[in-house]
C-alpha atoms as a PDB file:
ATOM      1  CA  MET A   1      -1.600  83.857 -19.381  1.00  0.00           C
ATOM      2  CA  SER A   2      -0.614  80.447 -18.351  1.00  0.00           C
ATOM      3  CA  THR A   3      -1.758  77.665 -20.680  1.00  0.00           C
ATOM      4  CA  VAL A   4      -1.220  74.037 -21.397  1.00  0.00           C
ATOM      5  CA  HIS A   5      -1.546  73.496 -25.403  1.00  0.00           C
ATOM      6  CA  LEU A   6      -2.765  70.289 -27.081  1.00  0.00           C
ATOM      7  CA  ILE A   7      -1.280  70.236 -30.556  1.00  0.00           C
ATOM      8  CA  GLN A   8      -2.286  67.043 -33.222  1.00  0.00           C
ATOM      9  CA  HIS A   9       0.957  66.191 -35.403  1.00  0.00           C
ATOM     10  CA  GLY A  10      -0.728  63.544 -37.403  1.00  0.00           C
ATOM     11  CA  ALA A  11      -0.694  60.697 -35.217  1.00  0.00           C
ATOM     12  CA  ILE A  12       1.336  62.282 -32.170  1.00  0.00           C
ATOM     13  CA  ALA A  13      -0.230  64.812 -29.773  1.00  0.00           C
ATOM     14  CA  GLU A  14       1.841  67.769 -28.508  1.00  0.00           C
ATOM     15  CA  LEU A  15       0.995  68.795 -24.762  1.00  0.00           C
ATOM     16  CA  ARG A  16       3.048  72.213 -24.404  1.00  0.00           C
ATOM     17  CA  LEU A  17       3.204  74.181 -21.137  1.00  0.00           C
ATOM     18  CA  ASP A  18       3.184  77.887 -21.645  1.00  0.00           C
ATOM     19  CA  ASN A  19       4.296  80.163 -18.929  1.00  0.00           C
ATOM     20  CA  PRO A  20       7.806  80.787 -19.706  1.00  0.00           C
ATOM     21  CA  ALA A  21       7.490  84.294 -17.688  1.00  0.00           C
ATOM     22  CA  LYS A  22       7.322  81.713 -14.375  1.00  0.00           C
ATOM     23  CA  MET A  23       9.744  79.045 -15.914  1.00  0.00           C
ATOM     24  CA  ASN A  24       6.657  76.914 -17.015  1.00  0.00           C
ATOM     25  CA  ALA A  25       5.470  76.430 -13.271  1.00  0.00           C
ATOM     26  CA  PHE A  26       2.160  74.892 -13.222  1.00  0.00           C
ATOM     27  CA  THR A  27      -0.952  77.125 -11.866  1.00  0.00           C
ATOM     28  CA  VAL A  28      -4.484  75.816 -11.410  1.00  0.00           C
ATOM     29  CA  GLN A  29      -5.394  76.575 -14.289  1.00  0.00           C
ATOM     30  CA  MET A  30      -3.015  74.585 -16.162  1.00  0.00           C
ATOM     31  CA  LEU A  31      -3.485  71.722 -13.828  1.00  0.00           C
ATOM     32  CA  ASP A  32      -7.276  72.022 -15.002  1.00  0.00           C
ATOM     33  CA  GLN A  33      -6.168  72.051 -18.439  1.00  0.00           C
ATOM     34  CA  MET A  34      -3.885  68.982 -18.545  1.00  0.00           C
ATOM     35  CA  ALA A  35      -6.658  67.043 -17.016  1.00  0.00           C
ATOM     36  CA  ALA A  36      -8.769  67.854 -19.922  1.00  0.00           C
ATOM     37  CA  HIS A  37      -6.047  67.321 -22.441  1.00  0.00           C
ATOM     38  CA  LEU A  38      -5.511  63.584 -21.158  1.00  0.00           C
ATOM     39  CA  GLU A  39      -9.029  62.492 -21.418  1.00  0.00           C
ATOM     40  CA  VAL A  40      -9.420  63.716 -25.043  1.00  0.00           C
ATOM     41  CA  ILE A  41      -5.719  61.953 -25.852  1.00  0.00           C
ATOM     42  CA  GLU A  42      -7.013  58.956 -24.151  1.00  0.00           C
ATOM     43  CA  ARG A  43     -10.434  58.716 -26.199  1.00  0.00           C
ATOM     44  CA  ASP A  44      -8.977  60.054 -29.471  1.00  0.00           C
ATOM     45  CA  THR A  45      -7.916  56.943 -31.347  1.00  0.00           C
ATOM     46  CA  THR A  46      -6.504  59.406 -33.895  1.00  0.00           C
ATOM     47  CA  ILE A  47      -3.687  59.531 -31.391  1.00  0.00           C
ATOM     48  CA  ALA A  48      -1.120  57.173 -31.006  1.00  0.00           C
ATOM     49  CA  ALA A  49       1.713  58.841 -28.893  1.00  0.00           C
ATOM     50  CA  VAL A  50       2.182  61.918 -27.060  1.00  0.00           C
ATOM     51  CA  ILE A  51       5.113  64.299 -26.488  1.00  0.00           C
ATOM     52  CA  LEU A  52       5.381  66.750 -23.255  1.00  0.00           C
ATOM     53  CA  THR A  53       7.067  70.309 -24.365  1.00  0.00           C
ATOM     54  CA  ALA A  54       7.476  73.764 -22.799  1.00  0.00           C
ATOM     55  CA  GLU A  55       8.001  76.919 -23.999  1.00  0.00           C
ATOM     56  CA  GLY A  56      11.454  78.838 -23.902  1.00  0.00           C
ATOM     57  CA  ASP A  57      14.866  77.235 -23.534  1.00  0.00           C
ATOM     58  CA  ARG A  58      15.503  78.001 -19.655  1.00  0.00           C
ATOM     59  CA  ALA A  59      13.091  75.448 -18.270  1.00  0.00           C
ATOM     60  CA  PHE A  60      11.063  72.291 -18.883  1.00  0.00           C
ATOM     61  CA  CYS A  61       9.016  73.000 -15.768  1.00  0.00           C
ATOM     62  CA  THR A  62       9.925  74.415 -12.107  1.00  0.00           C
ATOM     63  CA  GLY A  63       6.972  72.971 -10.375  1.00  0.00           C
ATOM     64  CA  ALA A  64       4.020  74.828  -8.806  1.00  0.00           C
ATOM     65  CA  ASP A  65       3.386  78.362  -9.088  1.00  0.00           C
ATOM     66  CA  ILE A  66       3.643  79.364  -5.206  1.00  0.00           C
ATOM     67  CA  ASN A  67       1.170  82.196  -6.045  1.00  0.00           C
ATOM     68  CA  GLY A  68      -0.984  79.423  -6.759  1.00  0.00           C
ATOM     69  CA  TRP A  69      -0.873  77.562  -3.516  1.00  0.00           C
ATOM     70  CA  GLY A  70       1.055  80.055  -1.397  1.00  0.00           C
ATOM     71  CA  ASP A  71      -2.167  81.081   0.987  1.00  0.00           C
ATOM     72  CA  LEU A  72      -3.965  78.118   0.765  1.00  0.00           C
ATOM     73  CA  GLY A  73      -4.475  76.629   4.228  1.00  0.00           C
ATOM     74  CA  PRO A  74      -3.508  73.085   5.266  1.00  0.00           C
ATOM     75  CA  ALA A  75      -6.697  70.963   4.519  1.00  0.00           C
ATOM     76  CA  GLU A  76      -7.328  72.697   1.567  1.00  0.00           C
ATOM     77  CA  PHE A  77      -3.257  72.437   0.303  1.00  0.00           C
ATOM     78  CA  ALA A  78      -3.625  68.717   1.141  1.00  0.00           C
ATOM     79  CA  ARG A  79      -7.048  68.233  -0.295  1.00  0.00           C
ATOM     80  CA  HIS A  80      -6.954  69.731  -3.445  1.00  0.00           C
ATOM     81  CA  TRP A  81      -3.509  71.547  -4.612  1.00  0.00           C
ATOM     82  CA  VAL A  82      -1.875  68.204  -3.964  1.00  0.00           C
ATOM     83  CA  ARG A  83      -4.401  65.732  -4.300  1.00  0.00           C
ATOM     84  CA  ASP A  84      -5.542  67.128  -7.464  1.00  0.00           C
ATOM     85  CA  GLY A  85      -2.055  67.538  -8.909  1.00  0.00           C
ATOM     86  CA  HIS A  86      -1.193  63.971  -8.047  1.00  0.00           C
ATOM     87  CA  ARG A  87      -3.906  62.664  -9.801  1.00  0.00           C
ATOM     88  CA  ILE A  88      -3.452  64.421 -12.824  1.00  0.00           C
ATOM     89  CA  PHE A  89       0.016  63.242 -12.922  1.00  0.00           C
ATOM     90  CA  ASP A  90      -1.314  59.548 -12.352  1.00  0.00           C
ATOM     91  CA  ARG A  91      -3.587  59.685 -15.168  1.00  0.00           C
ATOM     92  CA  LEU A  92      -0.486  61.161 -17.248  1.00  0.00           C
ATOM     93  CA  ALA A  93       1.664  57.554 -15.841  1.00  0.00           C
ATOM     94  CA  ARG A  94      -1.561  55.760 -16.957  1.00  0.00           C
ATOM     95  CA  LEU A  95      -2.342  56.456 -20.385  1.00  0.00           C
ATOM     96  CA  SER A  96      -2.453  54.000 -22.765  1.00  0.00           C
ATOM     97  CA  LYS A  97      -0.050  55.531 -25.291  1.00  0.00           C
ATOM     98  CA  PRO A  98       3.455  55.753 -24.886  1.00  0.00           C
ATOM     99  CA  THR A  99       4.584  59.144 -23.816  1.00  0.00           C
ATOM    100  CA  VAL A 100       7.920  61.008 -24.211  1.00  0.00           C
ATOM    101  CA  ALA A 101       9.005  64.259 -22.066  1.00  0.00           C
ATOM    102  CA  ALA A 102      11.265  66.558 -23.973  1.00  0.00           C
ATOM    103  CA  MET A 103      13.022  68.366 -21.303  1.00  0.00           C
ATOM    104  CA  GLN A 104      14.879  71.333 -22.992  1.00  0.00           C
ATOM    105  CA  GLY A 105      15.530  73.200 -19.495  1.00  0.00           C
ATOM    106  CA  HIS A 106      15.620  72.473 -15.852  1.00  0.00           C
ATOM    107  CA  ALA A 107      12.759  70.204 -14.289  1.00  0.00           C
ATOM    108  CA  PHE A 108      12.532  70.941 -10.919  1.00  0.00           C
ATOM    109  CA  GLY A 109       9.921  69.817  -8.297  1.00  0.00           C
ATOM    110  CA  GLY A 110       6.274  69.268 -10.254  1.00  0.00           C
ATOM    111  CA  GLY A 111       8.316  69.668 -13.330  1.00  0.00           C
ATOM    112  CA  LEU A 112      10.530  66.461 -12.336  1.00  0.00           C
ATOM    113  CA  GLU A 113       7.275  65.049 -11.403  1.00  0.00           C
ATOM    114  CA  LEU A 114       5.734  65.526 -14.710  1.00  0.00           C
ATOM    115  CA  ALA A 115       8.664  64.340 -16.409  1.00  0.00           C
ATOM    116  CA  ALA A 116       8.423  61.280 -14.190  1.00  0.00           C
ATOM    117  CA  ALA A 117       5.436  60.351 -15.166  1.00  0.00           C
ATOM    118  CA  CYS A 118       6.252  59.995 -18.785  1.00  0.00           C
ATOM    119  CA  ASP A 119       7.337  56.556 -20.271  1.00  0.00           C
ATOM    120  CA  ILE A 120      10.685  58.154 -21.561  1.00  0.00           C
ATOM    121  CA  ARG A 121      12.408  61.321 -20.674  1.00  0.00           C
ATOM    122  CA  VAL A 122      15.020  63.124 -23.263  1.00  0.00           C
ATOM    123  CA  MET A 123      17.302  66.012 -21.779  1.00  0.00           C
ATOM    124  CA  ALA A 124      19.369  68.841 -22.555  1.00  0.00           C
ATOM    125  CA  PRO A 125      23.006  68.633 -21.857  1.00  0.00           C
ATOM    126  CA  ASN A 126      22.551  72.536 -19.840  1.00  0.00           C
ATOM    127  CA  ALA A 127      19.304  71.106 -17.946  1.00  0.00           C
ATOM    128  CA  ALA A 128      19.053  69.961 -14.461  1.00  0.00           C
ATOM    129  CA  LEU A 129      16.657  68.104 -12.085  1.00  0.00           C
ATOM    130  CA  ALA A 130      15.889  69.183  -8.425  1.00  0.00           C
ATOM    131  CA  LEU A 131      13.210  68.606  -5.725  1.00  0.00           C
ATOM    132  CA  PRO A 132      13.529  72.298  -3.983  1.00  0.00           C
ATOM    133  CA  GLU A 133      10.340  71.861  -2.140  1.00  0.00           C
ATOM    134  CA  ALA A 134      12.215  71.893   1.295  1.00  0.00           C
ATOM    135  CA  GLY A 135      13.383  75.606   0.921  1.00  0.00           C
ATOM    136  CA  VAL A 136       9.782  76.928   0.743  1.00  0.00           C
ATOM    137  CA  GLY A 137       8.937  74.742   3.726  1.00  0.00           C
ATOM    138  CA  ILE A 138       7.030  71.778   1.823  1.00  0.00           C
ATOM    139  CA  VAL A 139       7.749  68.318   0.695  1.00  0.00           C
ATOM    140  CA  PRO A 140       7.306  67.154  -2.700  1.00  0.00           C
ATOM    141  CA  GLY A 141       3.484  66.201  -3.487  1.00  0.00           C
ATOM    142  CA  TRP A 142       3.172  64.971  -6.977  1.00  0.00           C
ATOM    143  CA  SER A 143       4.899  61.736  -6.511  1.00  0.00           C
ATOM    144  CA  GLY A 144       8.580  62.953  -6.134  1.00  0.00           C
ATOM    145  CA  THR A 145       8.464  60.482  -3.124  1.00  0.00           C
ATOM    146  CA  GLN A 146       7.038  57.458  -4.426  1.00  0.00           C
ATOM    147  CA  ARG A 147       7.156  57.266  -8.566  1.00  0.00           C
ATOM    148  CA  LEU A 148      10.635  58.475  -8.457  1.00  0.00           C
ATOM    149  CA  LEU A 149      12.193  56.193  -6.108  1.00  0.00           C
ATOM    150  CA  ARG A 150      10.961  53.511  -9.031  1.00  0.00           C
ATOM    151  CA  LEU A 151      13.112  55.577 -11.600  1.00  0.00           C
ATOM    152  CA  LEU A 152      15.822  56.953  -9.694  1.00  0.00           C
ATOM    153  CA  PRO A 153      18.217  55.588  -7.166  1.00  0.00           C
ATOM    154  CA  GLU A 154      17.221  56.418  -3.353  1.00  0.00           C
ATOM    155  CA  PRO A 155      20.194  58.447  -2.391  1.00  0.00           C
ATOM    156  CA  MET A 156      19.989  60.601  -5.477  1.00  0.00           C
ATOM    157  CA  VAL A 157      16.244  61.300  -4.471  1.00  0.00           C
ATOM    158  CA  LYS A 158      17.656  62.112  -1.061  1.00  0.00           C
ATOM    159  CA  GLU A 159      20.577  64.098  -2.389  1.00  0.00           C
ATOM    160  CA  MET A 160      17.700  66.469  -4.060  1.00  0.00           C
ATOM    161  CA  ALA A 161      15.115  66.246  -1.655  1.00  0.00           C
ATOM    162  CA  LEU A 162      16.855  66.349   1.705  1.00  0.00           C
ATOM    163  CA  PHE A 163      20.373  68.296   0.717  1.00  0.00           C
ATOM    164  CA  GLY A 164      18.941  70.576  -2.068  1.00  0.00           C
ATOM    165  CA  ASN A 165      21.474  69.234  -4.829  1.00  0.00           C
ATOM    166  CA  ARG A 166      20.771  69.626  -8.370  1.00  0.00           C
ATOM    167  CA  ILE A 167      21.336  66.467 -10.769  1.00  0.00           C
ATOM    168  CA  LYS A 168      22.979  67.366 -14.102  1.00  0.00           C
ATOM    169  CA  ALA A 169      22.293  65.672 -17.436  1.00  0.00           C
ATOM    170  CA  ASP A 170      25.040  63.540 -17.867  1.00  0.00           C
ATOM    171  CA  ARG A 171      24.327  61.758 -14.252  1.00  0.00           C
ATOM    172  CA  ALA A 172      20.567  61.437 -15.265  1.00  0.00           C
ATOM    173  CA  LEU A 173      21.450  59.519 -18.284  1.00  0.00           C
ATOM    174  CA  ALA A 174      24.434  57.392 -16.416  1.00  0.00           C
ATOM    175  CA  CYS A 175      21.438  55.839 -14.004  1.00  0.00           C
ATOM    176  CA  GLY A 176      18.561  55.344 -16.686  1.00  0.00           C
ATOM    177  CA  PHE A 177      16.368  58.232 -16.019  1.00  0.00           C
ATOM    178  CA  VAL A 178      16.681  59.718 -19.405  1.00  0.00           C
ATOM    179  CA  ALA A 179      17.003  57.934 -22.487  1.00  0.00           C
ATOM    180  CA  ALA A 180      19.135  60.289 -23.940  1.00  0.00           C
ATOM    181  CA  VAL A 181      21.266  64.361 -23.532  1.00  0.00           C
ATOM    182  CA  ASP A 182      21.155  66.030 -26.752  1.00  0.00           C
ATOM    183  CA  PRO A 183      21.168  69.835 -27.270  1.00  0.00           C
ATOM    184  CA  GLY A 184      18.021  69.298 -29.565  1.00  0.00           C
ATOM    185  CA  PRO A 185      15.719  66.891 -27.081  1.00  0.00           C
ATOM    186  CA  ARG A 186      12.640  67.814 -28.903  1.00  0.00           C
ATOM    187  CA  THR A 187      14.208  66.163 -32.018  1.00  0.00           C
ATOM    188  CA  VAL A 188      15.115  62.848 -30.581  1.00  0.00           C
ATOM    189  CA  ALA A 189      11.939  62.638 -28.706  1.00  0.00           C
ATOM    190  CA  ASP A 190      10.185  63.265 -32.189  1.00  0.00           C
ATOM    191  CA  THR A 191      12.434  60.329 -33.720  1.00  0.00           C
ATOM    192  CA  LEU A 192      11.347  58.142 -30.586  1.00  0.00           C
ATOM    193  CA  LEU A 193       7.633  58.814 -31.292  1.00  0.00           C
ATOM    194  CA  GLU A 194       7.672  58.160 -34.948  1.00  0.00           C
ATOM    195  CA  ARG A 195       9.456  54.673 -34.367  1.00  0.00           C
ATOM    196  CA  ALA A 196       6.525  53.757 -31.957  1.00  0.00           C
ATOM    197  CA  ILE A 197       3.476  55.183 -33.987  1.00  0.00           C
ATOM    198  CA  THR A 198       4.525  52.417 -36.546  1.00  0.00           C
ATOM    199  CA  LEU A 199       4.221  49.471 -34.107  1.00  0.00           C
ATOM    200  CA  SER A 200       0.725  47.956 -33.396  1.00  0.00           C
ATOM    201  CA  PRO A 201      -1.083  50.158 -31.228  1.00  0.00           C
ATOM    202  CA  ARG A 202      -2.960  47.532 -29.212  1.00  0.00           C
ATOM    203  CA  ALA A 203       0.266  45.502 -28.721  1.00  0.00           C
ATOM    204  CA  VAL A 204       1.956  48.660 -27.121  1.00  0.00           C
ATOM    205  CA  GLU A 205      -0.824  48.937 -25.210  1.00  0.00           C
ATOM    206  CA  ILE A 206      -0.723  45.907 -23.896  1.00  0.00           C
ATOM    207  CA  ALA A 207       3.196  45.912 -23.332  1.00  0.00           C
ATOM    208  CA  LYS A 208       2.815  49.229 -21.155  1.00  0.00           C
ATOM    209  CA  SER A 209       0.292  47.656 -19.220  1.00  0.00           C
ATOM    210  CA  MET A 210       1.896  44.822 -18.323  1.00  0.00           C
ATOM    211  CA  ILE A 211       5.056  46.669 -17.641  1.00  0.00           C
ATOM    212  CA  HIS A 212       3.393  49.075 -15.112  1.00  0.00           C
ATOM    213  CA  ALA A 213       1.595  45.945 -13.254  1.00  0.00           C
ATOM    214  CA  ALA A 214       5.056  44.680 -12.720  1.00  0.00           C
ATOM    215  CA  GLN A 215       6.139  48.075 -11.327  1.00  0.00           C
ATOM    216  CA  ASP A 216       2.947  48.460  -9.202  1.00  0.00           C
ATOM    217  CA  GLU A 217       1.948  51.153 -11.354  1.00  0.00           C
ATOM    218  CA  ASP A 218      -1.960  50.777 -10.628  1.00  0.00           C
ATOM    219  CA  ARG A 219      -1.423  46.920 -10.842  1.00  0.00           C
ATOM    220  CA  ALA A 220      -5.176  46.296  -9.630  1.00  0.00           C
ATOM    221  CA  ALA A 221      -6.865  48.178 -12.335  1.00  0.00           C
ATOM    222  CA  MET A 222      -4.021  46.975 -14.863  1.00  0.00           C
ATOM    223  CA  VAL A 223      -4.682  43.319 -14.065  1.00  0.00           C
ATOM    224  CA  GLU A 224      -8.376  43.791 -14.160  1.00  0.00           C
ATOM    225  CA  ALA A 225      -8.051  45.526 -17.597  1.00  0.00           C
ATOM    226  CA  LEU A 226      -5.977  42.440 -19.499  1.00  0.00           C
ATOM    227  CA  GLY A 227      -8.345  40.158 -18.007  1.00  0.00           C
ATOM    228  CA  SER A 228     -11.416  41.938 -19.253  1.00  0.00           C
ATOM    229  CA  ALA A 229      -9.871  42.597 -22.507  1.00  0.00           C
ATOM    230  CA  ALA A 230      -9.235  38.935 -22.976  1.00  0.00           C
ATOM    231  CA  SER A 231     -12.820  37.813 -21.782  1.00  0.00           C
ATOM    232  CA  ALA A 232     -14.471  40.297 -24.173  1.00  0.00           C
ATOM    233  CA  ALA A 233     -12.720  38.581 -27.343  1.00  0.00           C
ATOM    234  CA  THR A 234     -14.379  35.275 -26.353  1.00  0.00           C
ATOM    235  CA  ASP A 235     -17.265  33.440 -27.960  1.00  0.00           C
ATOM    236  CA  ASP A 236     -18.816  32.993 -24.410  1.00  0.00           C
ATOM    237  CA  ARG A 237     -18.914  37.061 -23.920  1.00  0.00           C
ATOM    238  CA  ALA A 238     -20.881  37.284 -27.487  1.00  0.00           C
ATOM    239  CA  GLU A 239     -23.186  34.743 -26.083  1.00  0.00           C
ATOM    240  CA  GLY A 240     -23.710  35.854 -22.571  1.00  0.00           C
ATOM    241  CA  VAL A 241     -24.708  39.238 -24.137  1.00  0.00           C
ATOM    242  CA  ALA A 242     -26.897  38.041 -26.849  1.00  0.00           C
ATOM    243  CA  ALA A 243     -28.661  35.737 -24.144  1.00  0.00           C
ATOM    244  CA  PHE A 244     -29.154  38.729 -22.012  1.00  0.00           C
ATOM    245  CA  ARG A 245     -31.061  40.756 -24.658  1.00  0.00           C
ATOM    246  CA  ASP A 246     -32.877  37.645 -25.664  1.00  0.00           C
ATOM    247  CA  LYS A 247     -33.849  36.817 -22.254  1.00  0.00           C
ATOM    248  CA  ARG A 248     -32.931  33.292 -22.221  1.00  0.00           C
ATOM    249  CA  LYS A 249     -30.330  31.171 -20.822  1.00  0.00           C
ATOM    250  CA  PRO A 250     -27.084  31.309 -22.173  1.00  0.00           C
ATOM    251  CA  ASP A 251     -25.578  28.319 -23.952  1.00  0.00           C
ATOM    252  CA  PHE A 252     -21.591  28.865 -23.312  1.00  0.00           C
ATOM    253  CA  SER A 253     -19.134  26.932 -25.499  1.00  0.00           C
ATOM    254  CA  GLY A 254     -15.878  27.869 -23.842  1.00  0.00           C
ATOM    255  CA  ARG A 255     -14.177  29.075 -26.545  1.00  0.00           C
END
């Protein structure tokens, strides 16, 4: 049965894709589980960082299980399968905590889009990247033509999406899409995360928000969140709340 496991290792949360019979392709059930796990991770203050892994050595994730969307009509396919997946991957990208994808195998289609939603990627030497959607008559739908273009050169994305080519690990490393190529991507990812959880959680969260705002990753929400956090730390905010509760006019100090 296809599953996404949430396993906590101290301050590190592991999201593990478990559908090896179909090369860890996403099912509707897995998308729903991913959405629920991301909400838990965001709200759990004991979790400081996240690693994405997958069962088996052949594939990290080969996208969406065609049996999950193959019989859907155009409207249902666009409104639910594509938009729901896009929303969930956006949620991953906008987590306040650092994320690392440990790609021990191939990342195709939605699997590549999943990896792109993480902050850092580590890849096994024999793994490859691909956008094979045109081979089954569709197009990338979970940010493959949008977020991916902020992380990979346009010709490389076109090479995958328009010509069906696979990108090997050495090229992914050369263009900066992955932080390291190593036979043990999980070990490298764990090392990165162990370092990350020694840093100030609030500083990391704010730095991530600032970087994302610069990349236009949900910029409006990031700017308002940072401004709201700054205003919430002022004496004026405390006075305003107190005055509201006391049903009196606030006496703001400007501090």
